[in-house]
Amino acid sequence: MTRKDFIEELSKINDLVAICKFGSHGTKYWIEARSDIDLAIIVAPGISFMDTLYMEDSISALCKKYYYYDNIHLTFILFGDFSSKYARIAVDSEEQYILDENRWFDFQHYVLKFARQNRQFERMLKIDEQYSYFGAIVDDTLL
């Protein structure tokens, strides 16, 4: 399946804004037959968590065909969830499949605006995350 075919098939699923790949796939850290492929799925405004459950099977099947790989992990991001770390990961992703450009640009705008207005808050969350995992700050470059 080509990229164009993938996007065309995804566009048949209502209320998808974008799909963004993140994680180790395509890097030296990815281990075939062991690692999964992580995809962030941004859905349109008004879509609930329950709605995403109905979409999941269709999206997963298409992704398995496109990547020729069975271990696909989908992370759904509701449109208004601008503060989510996965929203920022999706915006920063190098492999994005945009299905609704206008909503995607709105989503990016609000995610980056939230990040800009909450830099200190994000720094505090990163410190807290390092303490919860490692008991100390182990990497200052992440701050």
N, C-alpha and C. Protein backbone atom coordinates (compact mmCIF):
# COMPACT_ATOMS: atom_id res chain seq x y z
N MET A 1 0.85 -1.17 0.00
CA MET A 1 0.00 0.00 0.00
C MET A 1 0.89 1.24 0.00
N THR A 2 0.63 2.17 -0.88
CA THR A 2 1.42 3.40 -0.94
C THR A 2 0.90 4.41 0.08
N ARG A 3 1.68 5.44 0.30
CA ARG A 3 1.27 6.51 1.21
C ARG A 3 -0.05 7.13 0.76
N LYS A 4 -0.15 7.36 -0.54
CA LYS A 4 -1.37 7.96 -1.10
C LYS A 4 -2.58 7.07 -0.85
N ASP A 5 -2.42 5.76 -1.09
CA ASP A 5 -3.52 4.81 -0.85
C ASP A 5 -3.90 4.77 0.63
N PHE A 6 -2.88 4.82 1.49
CA PHE A 6 -3.11 4.80 2.94
C PHE A 6 -3.96 6.00 3.36
N ILE A 7 -3.57 7.18 2.90
CA ILE A 7 -4.31 8.40 3.25
C ILE A 7 -5.73 8.35 2.67
N GLU A 8 -5.84 7.85 1.45
CA GLU A 8 -7.16 7.73 0.81
C GLU A 8 -8.08 6.81 1.61
N GLU A 9 -7.56 5.68 2.05
CA GLU A 9 -8.36 4.74 2.85
C GLU A 9 -8.71 5.32 4.22
N LEU A 10 -7.75 6.00 4.83
CA LEU A 10 -8.01 6.62 6.14
C LEU A 10 -9.07 7.71 6.04
N SER A 11 -9.08 8.43 4.92
CA SER A 11 -10.03 9.53 4.77
C SER A 11 -11.48 9.03 4.69
N LYS A 12 -11.67 7.74 4.47
CA LYS A 12 -13.02 7.16 4.47
C LYS A 12 -13.56 6.98 5.88
N ILE A 13 -12.67 7.06 6.87
CA ILE A 13 -13.09 6.96 8.28
C ILE A 13 -13.41 8.38 8.75
N ASN A 14 -14.65 8.60 9.13
CA ASN A 14 -15.08 9.94 9.54
C ASN A 14 -14.38 10.42 10.80
N ASP A 15 -14.17 11.72 10.85
CA ASP A 15 -13.70 12.42 12.05
C ASP A 15 -12.25 12.17 12.43
N LEU A 16 -11.43 11.73 11.49
CA LEU A 16 -9.99 11.66 11.72
C LEU A 16 -9.35 12.97 11.26
N VAL A 17 -8.48 13.52 12.07
CA VAL A 17 -7.76 14.74 11.71
C VAL A 17 -6.38 14.38 11.18
N ALA A 18 -5.65 13.56 11.91
CA ALA A 18 -4.29 13.18 11.50
C ALA A 18 -3.84 11.93 12.24
N ILE A 19 -2.85 11.28 11.64
CA ILE A 19 -2.17 10.16 12.29
C ILE A 19 -0.68 10.48 12.25
N CYS A 20 -0.03 10.39 13.39
CA CYS A 20 1.39 10.76 13.50
C CYS A 20 2.16 9.62 14.15
N LYS A 21 3.24 9.22 13.50
CA LYS A 21 4.07 8.14 14.04
C LYS A 21 5.07 8.71 15.04
N PHE A 22 5.26 8.00 16.13
CA PHE A 22 6.28 8.39 17.11
C PHE A 22 6.89 7.12 17.68
N GLY A 23 7.88 7.25 18.50
CA GLY A 23 8.49 6.08 19.12
C GLY A 23 9.71 5.60 18.36
N SER A 24 10.06 4.35 18.58
CA SER A 24 11.34 3.83 18.09
C SER A 24 11.32 3.33 16.65
N HIS A 25 10.16 3.14 16.05
CA HIS A 25 10.11 2.60 14.68
C HIS A 25 10.88 3.51 13.72
N GLY A 26 11.74 2.90 12.95
CA GLY A 26 12.56 3.66 12.01
C GLY A 26 13.86 4.16 12.60
N THR A 27 14.13 3.81 13.85
CA THR A 27 15.39 4.21 14.49
C THR A 27 16.21 2.95 14.79
N LYS A 28 17.42 3.17 15.27
CA LYS A 28 18.28 2.03 15.61
C LYS A 28 17.77 1.27 16.84
N TYR A 29 16.86 1.87 17.59
CA TYR A 29 16.35 1.24 18.81
C TYR A 29 15.17 0.30 18.56
N TRP A 30 14.63 0.31 17.36
CA TRP A 30 13.48 -0.52 17.04
C TRP A 30 13.93 -1.95 16.79
N ILE A 31 13.25 -2.91 17.40
CA ILE A 31 13.61 -4.32 17.25
C ILE A 31 12.42 -5.04 16.60
N GLU A 32 12.62 -5.49 15.36
CA GLU A 32 11.54 -6.17 14.65
C GLU A 32 11.13 -7.43 15.40
N ALA A 33 9.83 -7.70 15.35
CA ALA A 33 9.21 -8.84 16.02
C ALA A 33 9.13 -8.68 17.54
N ARG A 34 9.64 -7.55 18.04
CA ARG A 34 9.57 -7.30 19.48
C ARG A 34 8.95 -5.93 19.78
N SER A 35 9.37 -4.92 19.03
CA SER A 35 8.87 -3.56 19.25
C SER A 35 7.53 -3.37 18.53
N ASP A 36 6.79 -2.38 18.99
CA ASP A 36 5.56 -2.03 18.28
C ASP A 36 5.77 -0.74 17.49
N ILE A 37 4.79 -0.40 16.69
CA ILE A 37 4.80 0.87 15.97
C ILE A 37 3.76 1.75 16.67
N ASP A 38 4.21 2.88 17.18
CA ASP A 38 3.34 3.79 17.93
C ASP A 38 2.77 4.85 17.01
N LEU A 39 1.45 5.00 17.04
CA LEU A 39 0.78 6.00 16.23
C LEU A 39 -0.16 6.82 17.10
N ALA A 40 -0.05 8.14 16.97
CA ALA A 40 -0.97 9.05 17.65
C ALA A 40 -2.10 9.37 16.67
N ILE A 41 -3.33 9.19 17.11
CA ILE A 41 -4.50 9.41 16.27
C ILE A 41 -5.23 10.63 16.81
N ILE A 42 -5.25 11.72 16.04
CA ILE A 42 -5.96 12.93 16.46
C ILE A 42 -7.34 12.89 15.83
N VAL A 43 -8.37 13.01 16.67
CA VAL A 43 -9.74 12.95 16.18
C VAL A 43 -10.39 14.33 16.26
N ALA A 44 -11.44 14.50 15.48
CA ALA A 44 -12.13 15.79 15.35
C ALA A 44 -12.83 16.20 16.65
N PRO A 45 -13.16 17.49 16.76
CA PRO A 45 -13.92 17.94 17.93
C PRO A 45 -15.26 17.20 18.01
N GLY A 46 -15.71 16.97 19.21
CA GLY A 46 -17.00 16.31 19.41
C GLY A 46 -16.92 14.79 19.46
N ILE A 47 -15.76 14.23 19.21
CA ILE A 47 -15.59 12.78 19.26
C ILE A 47 -15.26 12.39 20.70
N SER A 48 -15.95 11.41 21.21
CA SER A 48 -15.74 10.97 22.59
C SER A 48 -14.83 9.75 22.63
N PHE A 49 -14.44 9.39 23.82
CA PHE A 49 -13.64 8.18 24.01
C PHE A 49 -14.37 6.97 23.45
N MET A 50 -15.67 6.89 23.69
CA MET A 50 -16.46 5.75 23.20
C MET A 50 -16.44 5.69 21.67
N ASP A 51 -16.47 6.85 21.02
CA ASP A 51 -16.41 6.88 19.55
C ASP A 51 -15.09 6.31 19.05
N THR A 52 -14.01 6.57 19.77
CA THR A 52 -12.70 6.07 19.33
C THR A 52 -12.65 4.55 19.36
N LEU A 53 -13.40 3.95 20.26
CA LEU A 53 -13.43 2.48 20.33
C LEU A 53 -14.00 1.88 19.05
N TYR A 54 -14.97 2.57 18.46
CA TYR A 54 -15.56 2.09 17.21
C TYR A 54 -14.61 2.29 16.02
N MET A 55 -13.77 3.29 16.09
CA MET A 55 -12.84 3.60 15.00
C MET A 55 -11.60 2.71 15.03
N GLU A 56 -11.25 2.24 16.20
CA GLU A 56 -9.96 1.58 16.43
C GLU A 56 -9.69 0.39 15.50
N ASP A 57 -10.65 -0.48 15.32
CA ASP A 57 -10.43 -1.68 14.50
C ASP A 57 -10.12 -1.33 13.05
N SER A 58 -10.87 -0.37 12.49
CA SER A 58 -10.65 0.03 11.10
C SER A 58 -9.27 0.65 10.92
N ILE A 59 -8.90 1.53 11.83
CA ILE A 59 -7.61 2.21 11.74
C ILE A 59 -6.48 1.20 11.91
N SER A 60 -6.61 0.33 12.88
CA SER A 60 -5.58 -0.67 13.15
C SER A 60 -5.36 -1.58 11.94
N ALA A 61 -6.44 -2.02 11.31
CA ALA A 61 -6.33 -2.90 10.13
C ALA A 61 -5.60 -2.20 8.99
N LEU A 62 -5.92 -0.93 8.75
CA LEU A 62 -5.25 -0.18 7.68
C LEU A 62 -3.77 0.02 7.99
N CYS A 63 -3.46 0.31 9.24
CA CYS A 63 -2.06 0.53 9.63
C CYS A 63 -1.25 -0.76 9.50
N LYS A 64 -1.84 -1.88 9.84
CA LYS A 64 -1.15 -3.16 9.69
C LYS A 64 -0.84 -3.45 8.23
N LYS A 65 -1.77 -3.10 7.35
CA LYS A 65 -1.53 -3.28 5.90
C LYS A 65 -0.43 -2.35 5.41
N TYR A 66 -0.49 -1.10 5.84
CA TYR A 66 0.45 -0.09 5.36
C TYR A 66 1.88 -0.39 5.82
N TYR A 67 2.03 -0.74 7.08
CA TYR A 67 3.37 -0.99 7.63
C TYR A 67 3.83 -2.44 7.47
N TYR A 68 2.96 -3.32 7.00
CA TYR A 68 3.29 -4.75 6.90
C TYR A 68 3.80 -5.28 8.24
N TYR A 69 3.08 -4.94 9.29
CA TYR A 69 3.51 -5.28 10.64
C TYR A 69 2.27 -5.39 11.52
N ASP A 70 2.22 -6.38 12.39
CA ASP A 70 1.01 -6.62 13.19
C ASP A 70 0.96 -5.90 14.53
N ASN A 71 2.11 -5.55 15.08
CA ASN A 71 2.13 -4.97 16.42
C ASN A 71 2.05 -3.44 16.34
N ILE A 72 0.82 -2.96 16.20
CA ILE A 72 0.55 -1.52 16.08
C ILE A 72 -0.10 -1.04 17.37
N HIS A 73 0.41 0.04 17.93
CA HIS A 73 -0.16 0.62 19.15
C HIS A 73 -0.75 1.99 18.80
N LEU A 74 -2.05 2.15 19.01
CA LEU A 74 -2.73 3.41 18.72
C LEU A 74 -2.96 4.19 20.01
N THR A 75 -2.61 5.47 19.98
CA THR A 75 -2.88 6.38 21.09
C THR A 75 -3.81 7.46 20.58
N PHE A 76 -5.05 7.46 21.03
CA PHE A 76 -6.02 8.45 20.57
C PHE A 76 -5.86 9.75 21.35
N ILE A 77 -5.92 10.85 20.63
CA ILE A 77 -5.84 12.18 21.23
C ILE A 77 -7.11 12.93 20.84
N LEU A 78 -7.92 13.25 21.83
CA LEU A 78 -9.12 14.02 21.56
C LEU A 78 -8.72 15.44 21.16
N PHE A 79 -9.48 16.04 20.26
CA PHE A 79 -9.08 17.31 19.66
C PHE A 79 -8.77 18.40 20.70
N GLY A 80 -9.53 18.48 21.75
CA GLY A 80 -9.33 19.53 22.75
C GLY A 80 -8.28 19.22 23.80
N ASP A 81 -7.59 18.12 23.67
CA ASP A 81 -6.61 17.71 24.68
C ASP A 81 -5.23 18.29 24.38
N PHE A 82 -5.16 19.63 24.33
CA PHE A 82 -3.93 20.32 23.93
C PHE A 82 -2.80 20.17 24.94
N SER A 83 -3.15 19.91 26.19
CA SER A 83 -2.13 19.83 27.23
C SER A 83 -1.47 18.45 27.30
N SER A 84 -1.99 17.49 26.58
CA SER A 84 -1.45 16.13 26.62
C SER A 84 -0.04 16.09 26.05
N LYS A 85 0.84 15.32 26.70
CA LYS A 85 2.19 15.19 26.16
C LYS A 85 2.16 14.50 24.80
N TYR A 86 1.16 13.67 24.57
CA TYR A 86 1.05 13.00 23.27
C TYR A 86 0.62 13.97 22.18
N ALA A 87 -0.11 15.02 22.55
CA ALA A 87 -0.47 16.05 21.57
C ALA A 87 0.80 16.73 21.07
N ARG A 88 1.69 17.05 21.98
CA ARG A 88 2.96 17.68 21.60
C ARG A 88 3.82 16.71 20.78
N ILE A 89 3.84 15.46 21.15
CA ILE A 89 4.59 14.45 20.40
C ILE A 89 4.05 14.35 18.98
N ALA A 90 2.73 14.39 18.83
CA ALA A 90 2.12 14.31 17.49
C ALA A 90 2.52 15.51 16.64
N VAL A 91 2.48 16.69 17.23
CA VAL A 91 2.85 17.91 16.50
C VAL A 91 4.31 17.86 16.07
N ASP A 92 5.17 17.31 16.91
CA ASP A 92 6.61 17.25 16.61
C ASP A 92 7.00 16.05 15.75
N SER A 93 6.06 15.17 15.45
CA SER A 93 6.35 13.96 14.69
C SER A 93 6.87 14.27 13.29
N GLU A 94 7.81 13.45 12.85
CA GLU A 94 8.36 13.63 11.50
C GLU A 94 7.57 12.87 10.45
N GLU A 95 6.70 11.97 10.87
CA GLU A 95 5.88 11.21 9.92
C GLU A 95 4.41 11.44 10.26
N GLN A 96 3.78 12.34 9.48
CA GLN A 96 2.40 12.73 9.75
C GLN A 96 1.54 12.45 8.52
N TYR A 97 0.35 11.96 8.76
CA TYR A 97 -0.63 11.73 7.70
C TYR A 97 -1.82 12.64 8.01
N ILE A 98 -1.91 13.75 7.30
CA ILE A 98 -2.91 14.77 7.57
C ILE A 98 -4.16 14.46 6.75
N LEU A 99 -5.29 14.35 7.42
CA LEU A 99 -6.54 14.03 6.74
C LEU A 99 -7.48 15.22 6.69
N ASP A 100 -7.35 16.15 7.61
CA ASP A 100 -8.16 17.37 7.64
C ASP A 100 -7.21 18.53 7.95
N GLU A 101 -6.74 19.19 6.89
CA GLU A 101 -5.70 20.21 7.06
C GLU A 101 -6.13 21.37 7.95
N ASN A 102 -7.35 21.85 7.79
CA ASN A 102 -7.80 22.99 8.60
C ASN A 102 -7.81 22.66 10.08
N ARG A 103 -8.35 21.52 10.42
CA ARG A 103 -8.37 21.12 11.84
C ARG A 103 -6.97 20.80 12.35
N TRP A 104 -6.12 20.23 11.48
CA TRP A 104 -4.75 19.93 11.89
C TRP A 104 -4.01 21.22 12.23
N PHE A 105 -4.16 22.25 11.39
CA PHE A 105 -3.49 23.52 11.67
C PHE A 105 -4.03 24.15 12.95
N ASP A 106 -5.34 24.05 13.18
CA ASP A 106 -5.91 24.54 14.44
C ASP A 106 -5.33 23.77 15.63
N PHE A 107 -5.27 22.46 15.51
CA PHE A 107 -4.74 21.62 16.58
C PHE A 107 -3.30 22.01 16.90
N GLN A 108 -2.47 22.11 15.85
CA GLN A 108 -1.07 22.51 16.06
C GLN A 108 -0.98 23.86 16.75
N HIS A 109 -1.77 24.80 16.27
CA HIS A 109 -1.76 26.15 16.83
C HIS A 109 -2.05 26.12 18.33
N TYR A 110 -3.09 25.41 18.72
CA TYR A 110 -3.48 25.38 20.13
C TYR A 110 -2.49 24.60 20.99
N VAL A 111 -1.94 23.53 20.46
CA VAL A 111 -0.94 22.75 21.22
C VAL A 111 0.30 23.61 21.47
N LEU A 112 0.79 24.27 20.43
CA LEU A 112 2.00 25.09 20.58
C LEU A 112 1.74 26.33 21.42
N LYS A 113 0.54 26.89 21.31
CA LYS A 113 0.17 28.04 22.15
C LYS A 113 0.14 27.62 23.62
N PHE A 114 -0.44 26.45 23.90
CA PHE A 114 -0.47 25.94 25.27
C PHE A 114 0.95 25.75 25.79
N ALA A 115 1.81 25.16 24.95
CA ALA A 115 3.20 24.91 25.37
C ALA A 115 3.93 26.22 25.65
N ARG A 116 3.72 27.21 24.80
CA ARG A 116 4.39 28.50 24.98
C ARG A 116 3.92 29.18 26.26
N GLN A 117 2.63 29.11 26.54
CA GLN A 117 2.09 29.79 27.71
C GLN A 117 2.33 29.02 29.01
N ASN A 118 2.75 27.79 28.89
CA ASN A 118 2.92 26.95 30.08
C ASN A 118 4.31 26.34 30.17
N ARG A 119 5.32 27.08 29.72
CA ARG A 119 6.70 26.55 29.73
C ARG A 119 7.13 26.11 31.13
N GLN A 120 6.87 26.95 32.11
CA GLN A 120 7.28 26.64 33.48
C GLN A 120 6.54 25.41 34.00
N PHE A 121 5.26 25.32 33.67
CA PHE A 121 4.46 24.16 34.07
C PHE A 121 5.01 22.89 33.44
N GLU A 122 5.35 22.94 32.14
CA GLU A 122 5.92 21.78 31.45
C GLU A 122 7.25 21.38 32.07
N ARG A 123 8.07 22.36 32.44
CA ARG A 123 9.36 22.07 33.07
C ARG A 123 9.14 21.32 34.39
N MET A 124 8.16 21.79 35.16
CA MET A 124 7.84 21.14 36.43
C MET A 124 7.37 19.69 36.20
N LEU A 125 6.57 19.47 35.17
CA LEU A 125 6.11 18.12 34.86
C LEU A 125 7.27 17.21 34.48
N LYS A 126 8.23 17.75 33.74
CA LYS A 126 9.40 16.94 33.33
C LYS A 126 10.26 16.58 34.54
N ILE A 127 10.41 17.53 35.46
CA ILE A 127 11.16 17.25 36.69
C ILE A 127 10.44 16.17 37.49
N ASP A 128 9.13 16.33 37.63
CA ASP A 128 8.33 15.36 38.37
C ASP A 128 8.42 13.97 37.74
N GLU A 129 8.39 13.93 36.41
CA GLU A 129 8.47 12.64 35.71
C GLU A 129 9.81 11.96 35.97
N GLN A 130 10.90 12.73 35.95
CA GLN A 130 12.22 12.15 36.20
C GLN A 130 12.33 11.65 37.64
N TYR A 131 11.79 12.43 38.59
CA TYR A 131 11.84 11.98 39.98
C TYR A 131 11.00 10.72 40.19
N SER A 132 9.85 10.65 39.53
CA SER A 132 9.00 9.48 39.74
C SER A 132 9.61 8.22 39.14
N TYR A 133 10.35 8.35 38.04
CA TYR A 133 10.98 7.18 37.41
C TYR A 133 12.34 6.85 37.99
N PHE A 134 13.14 7.89 38.26
CA PHE A 134 14.55 7.66 38.61
C PHE A 134 14.93 8.12 40.01
N GLY A 135 14.06 8.86 40.70
CA GLY A 135 14.37 9.33 42.04
C GLY A 135 15.24 10.56 42.07
N ALA A 136 15.58 11.10 40.90
CA ALA A 136 16.40 12.30 40.80
C ALA A 136 16.34 12.80 39.36
N ILE A 137 16.90 13.98 39.15
CA ILE A 137 17.02 14.50 37.78
C ILE A 137 18.23 13.83 37.15
N VAL A 138 17.99 13.06 36.12
CA VAL A 138 19.08 12.30 35.49
C VAL A 138 19.53 12.91 34.17
N ASP A 139 18.72 13.79 33.59
CA ASP A 139 19.07 14.39 32.30
C ASP A 139 18.59 15.83 32.25
N ASP A 140 19.51 16.77 32.51
CA ASP A 140 19.17 18.20 32.50
C ASP A 140 18.77 18.69 31.12
N THR A 141 19.19 18.03 30.07
CA THR A 141 18.89 18.50 28.72
C THR A 141 17.40 18.40 28.40
N LEU A 142 16.68 17.57 29.14
CA LEU A 142 15.24 17.44 28.91
C LEU A 142 14.46 18.59 29.53
N LEU A 143 15.10 19.33 30.39
CA LEU A 143 14.41 20.44 31.06
C LEU A 143 14.50 21.63 30.20
